[in-house]
C-alpha cells in the first residue's frame, strides 16, 4: 500500500499466502521489495541488513555531519507570528529576533549567536538593533 493524498492505494501485490510457509516467504519477498525501493530512492536505514558492522562503520565514516537546525519550534512560532498579523511588517530580521527571544530569551548578542548556530540565519548585531528601532510598539 502507498499513501496518495489522503487515501491508501495498492502499490504492489506480491502474492497470496495459503499457509504459514507461504506467509513467511511472502514476508521475506516483501522485505526485499521494500529494501530495493528504499535503496532506489536513496534513503538509508539504521537497520539496513546489507552491511556488517565494519562496512557500516566505514560507510558512516564517509558521511559528514553539517548541522542540526532547531526549525520545528521556530516554524511553530512563525505560524502564530503570521496568524496575529506581524508578517505584515515584512521584516525577516525582526521576525527571527522576536521568535528567537521567545524560544531562548537571552541578550541580543546571544540571540544573534543562537540564530546563526541553530537556525543558520546570519545577522549583524547592528541589524538586530536597527530592526528593533524600526518596529517599536507601545502597550
N, C-alpha and C. Protein backbone atom coordinates (compact mmCIF):
# COMPACT_ATOMS: atom_id res chain seq x y z
N UNK A 1 0.84 -1.17 0.00
CA UNK A 1 0.00 0.00 0.00
C UNK A 1 0.89 1.24 0.00
N UNK A 2 0.35 2.29 -0.58
CA UNK A 2 1.05 3.57 -0.63
C UNK A 2 0.02 4.66 -0.38
N UNK A 3 0.40 5.65 0.43
CA UNK A 3 -0.49 6.75 0.73
C UNK A 3 -0.39 7.77 -0.40
N UNK A 4 -1.52 8.04 -1.05
CA UNK A 4 -1.59 9.05 -2.11
C UNK A 4 -2.67 10.03 -1.69
N UNK A 5 -2.23 11.26 -1.39
CA UNK A 5 -3.18 12.23 -0.84
C UNK A 5 -3.63 11.75 0.53
N UNK A 6 -4.91 11.52 0.68
CA UNK A 6 -5.44 11.04 1.96
C UNK A 6 -5.91 9.59 1.87
N UNK A 7 -5.60 8.93 0.76
CA UNK A 7 -6.10 7.57 0.55
C UNK A 7 -4.95 6.59 0.41
N UNK A 8 -5.19 5.36 0.83
CA UNK A 8 -4.24 4.28 0.62
C UNK A 8 -4.53 3.65 -0.74
N UNK A 9 -3.50 3.45 -1.51
CA UNK A 9 -3.61 2.84 -2.83
C UNK A 9 -2.74 1.59 -2.88
N UNK A 10 -3.20 0.61 -3.64
CA UNK A 10 -2.41 -0.60 -3.83
C UNK A 10 -1.22 -0.24 -4.71
N UNK A 11 -0.04 -0.48 -4.20
CA UNK A 11 1.18 -0.13 -4.91
C UNK A 11 1.77 -1.35 -5.60
N UNK A 12 1.81 -2.47 -4.89
CA UNK A 12 2.41 -3.68 -5.45
C UNK A 12 1.79 -4.88 -4.74
N UNK A 13 1.31 -5.84 -5.52
CA UNK A 13 0.78 -7.09 -4.96
C UNK A 13 1.82 -8.17 -5.18
N UNK A 14 2.29 -8.78 -4.11
CA UNK A 14 3.35 -9.77 -4.20
C UNK A 14 2.84 -11.20 -4.23
N UNK A 15 1.58 -11.41 -3.90
CA UNK A 15 1.04 -12.76 -3.90
C UNK A 15 0.08 -12.97 -2.75
N UNK A 16 -0.44 -14.18 -2.65
CA UNK A 16 -1.37 -14.55 -1.59
C UNK A 16 -0.85 -15.81 -0.91
N UNK A 17 -0.84 -15.80 0.40
CA UNK A 17 -0.36 -16.96 1.17
C UNK A 17 -1.53 -17.83 1.57
N UNK A 18 -1.31 -19.15 1.43
CA UNK A 18 -2.34 -20.11 1.83
C UNK A 18 -1.97 -20.86 3.10
N UNK A 19 -0.70 -20.75 3.50
CA UNK A 19 -0.25 -21.41 4.74
C UNK A 19 0.89 -20.60 5.34
N UNK A 20 1.38 -21.03 6.48
CA UNK A 20 2.40 -20.25 7.20
C UNK A 20 3.73 -20.22 6.45
N UNK A 21 4.06 -21.28 5.72
CA UNK A 21 5.30 -21.29 4.94
C UNK A 21 5.24 -20.22 3.84
N UNK A 22 4.14 -20.19 3.10
CA UNK A 22 3.97 -19.18 2.05
C UNK A 22 3.94 -17.78 2.65
N UNK A 23 3.35 -17.66 3.83
CA UNK A 23 3.29 -16.37 4.50
C UNK A 23 4.69 -15.86 4.83
N UNK A 24 5.55 -16.74 5.36
CA UNK A 24 6.91 -16.31 5.69
C UNK A 24 7.70 -16.00 4.43
N UNK A 25 7.46 -16.76 3.34
CA UNK A 25 8.14 -16.48 2.07
C UNK A 25 7.71 -15.13 1.51
N UNK A 26 6.40 -14.85 1.60
CA UNK A 26 5.90 -13.55 1.12
C UNK A 26 6.43 -12.40 1.98
N UNK A 27 6.54 -12.64 3.29
CA UNK A 27 7.07 -11.60 4.18
C UNK A 27 8.51 -11.29 3.79
N UNK A 28 9.31 -12.33 3.50
CA UNK A 28 10.70 -12.13 3.08
C UNK A 28 10.74 -11.41 1.73
N UNK A 29 9.90 -11.81 0.80
CA UNK A 29 9.82 -11.17 -0.51
C UNK A 29 9.41 -9.70 -0.36
N UNK A 30 8.45 -9.44 0.52
CA UNK A 30 8.01 -8.07 0.76
C UNK A 30 9.12 -7.21 1.34
N UNK A 31 9.90 -7.77 2.27
CA UNK A 31 11.01 -7.02 2.86
C UNK A 31 12.07 -6.71 1.80
N UNK A 32 12.35 -7.68 0.93
CA UNK A 32 13.31 -7.46 -0.15
C UNK A 32 12.81 -6.35 -1.09
N UNK A 33 11.51 -6.38 -1.40
CA UNK A 33 10.93 -5.35 -2.27
C UNK A 33 11.04 -3.97 -1.62
N UNK A 34 10.69 -3.87 -0.33
CA UNK A 34 10.78 -2.59 0.38
C UNK A 34 12.22 -2.09 0.44
N UNK A 35 13.16 -3.00 0.70
CA UNK A 35 14.57 -2.61 0.73
C UNK A 35 15.03 -2.07 -0.62
N UNK A 36 14.64 -2.77 -1.70
CA UNK A 36 15.06 -2.31 -3.03
C UNK A 36 14.44 -0.96 -3.38
N UNK A 37 13.18 -0.74 -2.99
CA UNK A 37 12.54 0.57 -3.25
C UNK A 37 13.22 1.67 -2.45
N UNK A 38 13.57 1.37 -1.20
CA UNK A 38 14.24 2.34 -0.35
C UNK A 38 15.61 2.67 -0.92
N UNK A 39 16.33 1.66 -1.37
CA UNK A 39 17.66 1.88 -1.92
C UNK A 39 17.58 2.70 -3.21
N UNK A 40 16.61 2.39 -4.07
CA UNK A 40 16.42 3.16 -5.30
C UNK A 40 16.15 4.63 -5.02
N UNK A 41 15.41 4.88 -3.94
CA UNK A 41 15.07 6.27 -3.61
C UNK A 41 16.22 6.98 -2.90
N UNK A 42 17.27 6.23 -2.51
CA UNK A 42 18.43 6.85 -1.87
C UNK A 42 18.28 7.01 -0.37
N UNK A 43 17.28 6.41 0.23
CA UNK A 43 17.07 6.54 1.68
C UNK A 43 17.89 5.48 2.41
N UNK A 44 18.42 5.86 3.55
CA UNK A 44 19.19 4.94 4.37
C UNK A 44 18.37 4.49 5.56
N UNK A 45 18.70 3.34 6.07
CA UNK A 45 18.04 2.83 7.26
C UNK A 45 19.11 2.41 8.26
N UNK A 46 18.90 2.73 9.52
CA UNK A 46 19.83 2.27 10.54
C UNK A 46 19.77 0.76 10.72
N UNK A 47 18.73 0.15 10.21
CA UNK A 47 18.54 -1.29 10.35
C UNK A 47 18.83 -2.01 9.04
N UNK A 48 19.61 -1.41 8.18
CA UNK A 48 19.92 -1.98 6.87
C UNK A 48 20.72 -3.26 7.06
N UNK A 49 20.24 -4.35 6.52
CA UNK A 49 20.89 -5.64 6.70
C UNK A 49 21.98 -5.90 5.66
N UNK A 50 22.20 -4.99 4.73
CA UNK A 50 23.22 -5.20 3.70
C UNK A 50 24.63 -4.99 4.24
N UNK A 51 24.76 -4.36 5.40
CA UNK A 51 26.08 -4.02 5.92
C UNK A 51 26.39 -4.84 7.16
N UNK A 52 27.64 -5.34 7.25
CA UNK A 52 28.08 -5.89 8.52
C UNK A 52 28.64 -4.72 9.33
N UNK A 53 29.07 -4.97 10.55
CA UNK A 53 29.48 -3.88 11.43
C UNK A 53 30.63 -3.06 10.85
N UNK A 54 31.63 -3.71 10.29
CA UNK A 54 32.80 -2.99 9.77
C UNK A 54 32.44 -2.15 8.54
N UNK A 55 31.67 -2.72 7.63
CA UNK A 55 31.33 -1.94 6.43
C UNK A 55 30.35 -0.82 6.77
N UNK A 56 29.50 -1.03 7.78
CA UNK A 56 28.59 0.03 8.22
C UNK A 56 29.38 1.17 8.83
N UNK A 57 30.37 0.87 9.65
CA UNK A 57 31.21 1.91 10.25
C UNK A 57 32.00 2.65 9.17
N UNK A 58 32.48 1.90 8.16
CA UNK A 58 33.20 2.53 7.06
C UNK A 58 32.27 3.47 6.28
N UNK A 59 31.06 3.02 6.04
CA UNK A 59 30.07 3.85 5.35
C UNK A 59 29.78 5.12 6.14
N UNK A 60 29.54 4.97 7.44
CA UNK A 60 29.24 6.13 8.29
C UNK A 60 30.41 7.10 8.37
N UNK A 61 31.63 6.59 8.31
CA UNK A 61 32.79 7.48 8.39
C UNK A 61 32.89 8.39 7.18
N UNK A 62 32.24 8.02 6.07
CA UNK A 62 32.27 8.84 4.86
C UNK A 62 31.25 9.98 4.91
N UNK A 63 30.31 9.89 5.83
CA UNK A 63 29.29 10.93 5.93
C UNK A 63 29.84 12.11 6.71
N UNK A 64 29.40 13.29 6.34
CA UNK A 64 29.83 14.50 7.03
C UNK A 64 28.62 15.14 7.71
N UNK A 65 28.72 15.34 9.01
CA UNK A 65 27.66 15.99 9.76
C UNK A 65 27.86 17.49 9.63
N UNK A 66 26.86 18.17 9.08
CA UNK A 66 26.98 19.61 8.87
C UNK A 66 26.38 20.36 10.05
N UNK A 67 25.11 20.13 10.31
CA UNK A 67 24.47 20.80 11.45
C UNK A 67 23.07 20.23 11.64
N UNK A 68 22.53 20.51 12.80
CA UNK A 68 21.14 20.18 13.07
C UNK A 68 20.45 21.49 13.42
N UNK A 69 19.44 21.83 12.67
CA UNK A 69 18.78 23.12 12.88
C UNK A 69 17.54 22.94 13.74
N UNK A 70 17.32 23.90 14.61
CA UNK A 70 16.19 23.87 15.54
C UNK A 70 14.97 24.48 14.85
N UNK A 71 14.53 23.89 13.75
CA UNK A 71 13.46 24.50 12.98
C UNK A 71 12.04 24.15 13.40
N UNK A 72 11.75 23.00 14.01
CA UNK A 72 10.34 22.74 14.36
C UNK A 72 9.75 23.80 15.29
N UNK A 73 10.47 24.13 16.35
CA UNK A 73 9.97 25.16 17.27
C UNK A 73 9.86 26.51 16.56
N UNK A 74 10.87 26.82 15.76
CA UNK A 74 10.86 28.09 15.03
C UNK A 74 9.66 28.16 14.09
N UNK A 75 9.43 27.10 13.32
CA UNK A 75 8.30 27.09 12.39
C UNK A 75 6.95 27.16 13.10
N UNK A 76 6.88 26.57 14.28
CA UNK A 76 5.66 26.65 15.09
C UNK A 76 5.34 28.11 15.40
N UNK A 77 6.34 28.85 15.85
CA UNK A 77 6.10 30.25 16.20
C UNK A 77 5.93 31.14 14.96
N UNK A 78 6.55 30.78 13.84
CA UNK A 78 6.33 31.53 12.60
C UNK A 78 4.86 31.49 12.21
N UNK A 79 4.24 30.34 12.39
CA UNK A 79 2.81 30.21 12.08
C UNK A 79 1.99 31.22 12.87
N UNK A 80 2.24 31.31 14.17
CA UNK A 80 1.47 32.23 15.01
C UNK A 80 1.88 33.69 14.78
N UNK A 81 3.11 33.91 14.43
CA UNK A 81 3.57 35.25 14.07
C UNK A 81 2.75 35.76 12.89
N UNK A 82 2.56 34.89 11.90
CA UNK A 82 1.74 35.26 10.73
C UNK A 82 0.27 35.39 11.12
N UNK A 83 -0.20 34.47 11.95
CA UNK A 83 -1.62 34.44 12.32
C UNK A 83 -2.05 35.73 13.01
N UNK A 84 -1.19 36.29 13.85
CA UNK A 84 -1.58 37.52 14.55
C UNK A 84 -1.29 38.77 13.70
N UNK A 85 -0.76 38.58 12.50
CA UNK A 85 -0.61 39.69 11.57
C UNK A 85 0.73 40.38 11.57
N UNK A 86 1.70 39.89 12.33
CA UNK A 86 3.00 40.57 12.37
C UNK A 86 3.79 40.39 11.07
N UNK A 87 3.42 39.44 10.25
CA UNK A 87 4.14 39.25 8.98
C UNK A 87 3.92 40.44 8.04
N UNK A 88 2.92 41.29 8.34
CA UNK A 88 2.70 42.50 7.53
C UNK A 88 3.86 43.48 7.65
N UNK A 89 4.66 43.32 8.69
CA UNK A 89 5.82 44.19 8.86
C UNK A 89 6.88 43.91 7.80
N UNK A 90 6.85 42.72 7.21
CA UNK A 90 7.77 42.32 6.13
C UNK A 90 9.22 42.55 6.50
N UNK A 91 9.59 42.12 7.70
CA UNK A 91 10.97 42.26 8.16
C UNK A 91 11.40 40.92 8.76
N UNK A 92 12.13 40.15 7.97
CA UNK A 92 12.55 38.82 8.43
C UNK A 92 13.47 38.89 9.64
N UNK A 93 14.30 39.90 9.68
CA UNK A 93 15.21 40.07 10.81
C UNK A 93 14.42 40.26 12.11
N UNK A 94 13.42 41.10 12.06
CA UNK A 94 12.59 41.34 13.24
C UNK A 94 11.84 40.07 13.64
N UNK A 95 11.27 39.37 12.65
CA UNK A 95 10.56 38.11 12.92
C UNK A 95 11.50 37.11 13.61
N UNK A 96 12.70 36.95 13.06
CA UNK A 96 13.64 35.99 13.61
C UNK A 96 14.06 36.39 15.02
N UNK A 97 14.22 37.68 15.24
CA UNK A 97 14.59 38.17 16.57
C UNK A 97 13.48 37.90 17.58
N UNK A 98 12.25 38.21 17.22
CA UNK A 98 11.11 38.00 18.13
C UNK A 98 10.96 36.52 18.48
N UNK A 99 10.98 35.68 17.48
CA UNK A 99 10.76 34.25 17.72
C UNK A 99 11.92 33.64 18.49
N UNK A 100 13.13 34.05 18.17
CA UNK A 100 14.29 33.53 18.90
C UNK A 100 14.25 33.91 20.36
N UNK A 101 13.79 35.12 20.63
CA UNK A 101 13.72 35.57 22.04
C UNK A 101 12.62 34.82 22.79
N UNK A 102 11.60 34.35 22.09
CA UNK A 102 10.57 33.51 22.73
C UNK A 102 11.16 32.13 23.05
N UNK A 103 11.88 31.57 22.07
CA UNK A 103 12.45 30.23 22.24
C UNK A 103 13.57 30.25 23.27
N UNK A 104 14.42 31.24 23.17
CA UNK A 104 15.60 31.30 24.05
C UNK A 104 15.83 32.75 24.46
N UNK A 105 15.18 33.19 25.56
CA UNK A 105 15.26 34.61 25.97
C UNK A 105 16.60 34.95 26.61
N UNK A 106 17.50 35.49 25.80
CA UNK A 106 18.82 35.90 26.26
C UNK A 106 19.13 37.27 25.66
N UNK A 107 20.35 37.72 25.83
CA UNK A 107 20.75 39.02 25.29
C UNK A 107 20.67 39.02 23.77
N UNK A 108 20.73 40.22 23.20
CA UNK A 108 20.66 40.31 21.75
C UNK A 108 21.91 39.69 21.10
N UNK A 109 23.05 39.83 21.73
CA UNK A 109 24.27 39.22 21.19
C UNK A 109 24.16 37.69 21.20
N UNK A 110 23.65 37.15 22.28
CA UNK A 110 23.48 35.70 22.35
C UNK A 110 22.36 35.24 21.41
N UNK A 111 21.36 36.10 21.21
CA UNK A 111 20.30 35.78 20.25
C UNK A 111 20.87 35.70 18.85
N UNK A 112 21.76 36.63 18.51
CA UNK A 112 22.43 36.58 17.20
C UNK A 112 23.19 35.27 17.05
N UNK A 113 23.90 34.85 18.09
CA UNK A 113 24.64 33.58 18.04
C UNK A 113 23.69 32.40 17.91
N UNK A 114 22.57 32.45 18.62
CA UNK A 114 21.56 31.38 18.54
C UNK A 114 21.01 31.29 17.12
N UNK A 115 20.69 32.42 16.52
CA UNK A 115 20.17 32.43 15.15
C UNK A 115 21.17 31.82 14.17
N UNK A 116 22.43 32.14 14.38
CA UNK A 116 23.46 31.64 13.47
C UNK A 116 23.70 30.15 13.68
N UNK A 117 23.86 29.72 14.91
CA UNK A 117 24.23 28.31 15.15
C UNK A 117 23.04 27.36 15.05
N UNK A 118 21.86 27.79 15.47
CA UNK A 118 20.72 26.86 15.49
C UNK A 118 19.80 26.98 14.29
N UNK A 119 19.78 28.12 13.63
CA UNK A 119 18.85 28.31 12.52
C UNK A 119 19.54 28.70 11.22
N UNK A 120 20.86 28.83 11.26
CA UNK A 120 21.64 29.18 10.08
C UNK A 120 21.18 30.51 9.46
N UNK A 121 20.85 31.47 10.33
CA UNK A 121 20.44 32.81 9.90
C UNK A 121 21.48 33.79 10.43
N UNK A 122 22.07 34.54 9.53
CA UNK A 122 23.17 35.43 9.89
C UNK A 122 22.73 36.89 9.85
N UNK A 123 22.80 37.54 11.01
CA UNK A 123 22.51 38.97 11.13
C UNK A 123 23.62 39.60 11.95
N UNK A 124 23.95 40.82 11.62
CA UNK A 124 24.88 41.55 12.47
C UNK A 124 24.11 42.06 13.68
N UNK A 125 24.83 42.36 14.72
CA UNK A 125 24.19 42.91 15.92
C UNK A 125 23.55 44.25 15.60
N UNK A 126 24.18 45.01 14.72
CA UNK A 126 23.63 46.29 14.30
C UNK A 126 22.29 46.11 13.59
N UNK A 127 22.20 45.09 12.75
CA UNK A 127 20.94 44.83 12.03
C UNK A 127 19.83 44.49 13.02
N UNK A 128 20.14 43.74 14.06
CA UNK A 128 19.12 43.41 15.07
C UNK A 128 18.65 44.67 15.79
N UNK A 129 19.58 45.54 16.18
CA UNK A 129 19.19 46.77 16.86
C UNK A 129 18.37 47.68 15.95
N UNK A 130 18.77 47.81 14.69
CA UNK A 130 18.02 48.64 13.75
C UNK A 130 16.59 48.11 13.56
N UNK A 131 16.48 46.81 13.47
CA UNK A 131 15.17 46.21 13.29
C UNK A 131 14.27 46.50 14.49
N UNK A 132 14.84 46.44 15.68
CA UNK A 132 14.05 46.75 16.89
C UNK A 132 13.63 48.22 16.90
N UNK A 133 14.50 49.11 16.49
CA UNK A 133 14.16 50.54 16.47
C UNK A 133 13.08 50.83 15.44
N UNK A 134 13.11 50.13 14.33
CA UNK A 134 12.14 50.36 13.26
C UNK A 134 10.75 49.97 13.71
N UNK A 135 10.63 48.92 14.50
CA UNK A 135 9.33 48.38 14.87
C UNK A 135 9.09 48.51 16.37
N UNK A 136 9.01 49.74 16.85
CA UNK A 136 8.73 49.96 18.26
C UNK A 136 7.23 49.95 18.47
N UNK A 137 6.80 49.25 19.51
CA UNK A 137 5.38 49.16 19.83
C UNK A 137 5.16 49.75 21.21
N UNK A 138 3.99 50.33 21.38
CA UNK A 138 3.64 50.82 22.72
C UNK A 138 2.46 49.99 23.22
N UNK A 139 2.49 49.69 24.47
CA UNK A 139 1.41 48.90 25.08
C UNK A 139 0.46 49.77 25.85
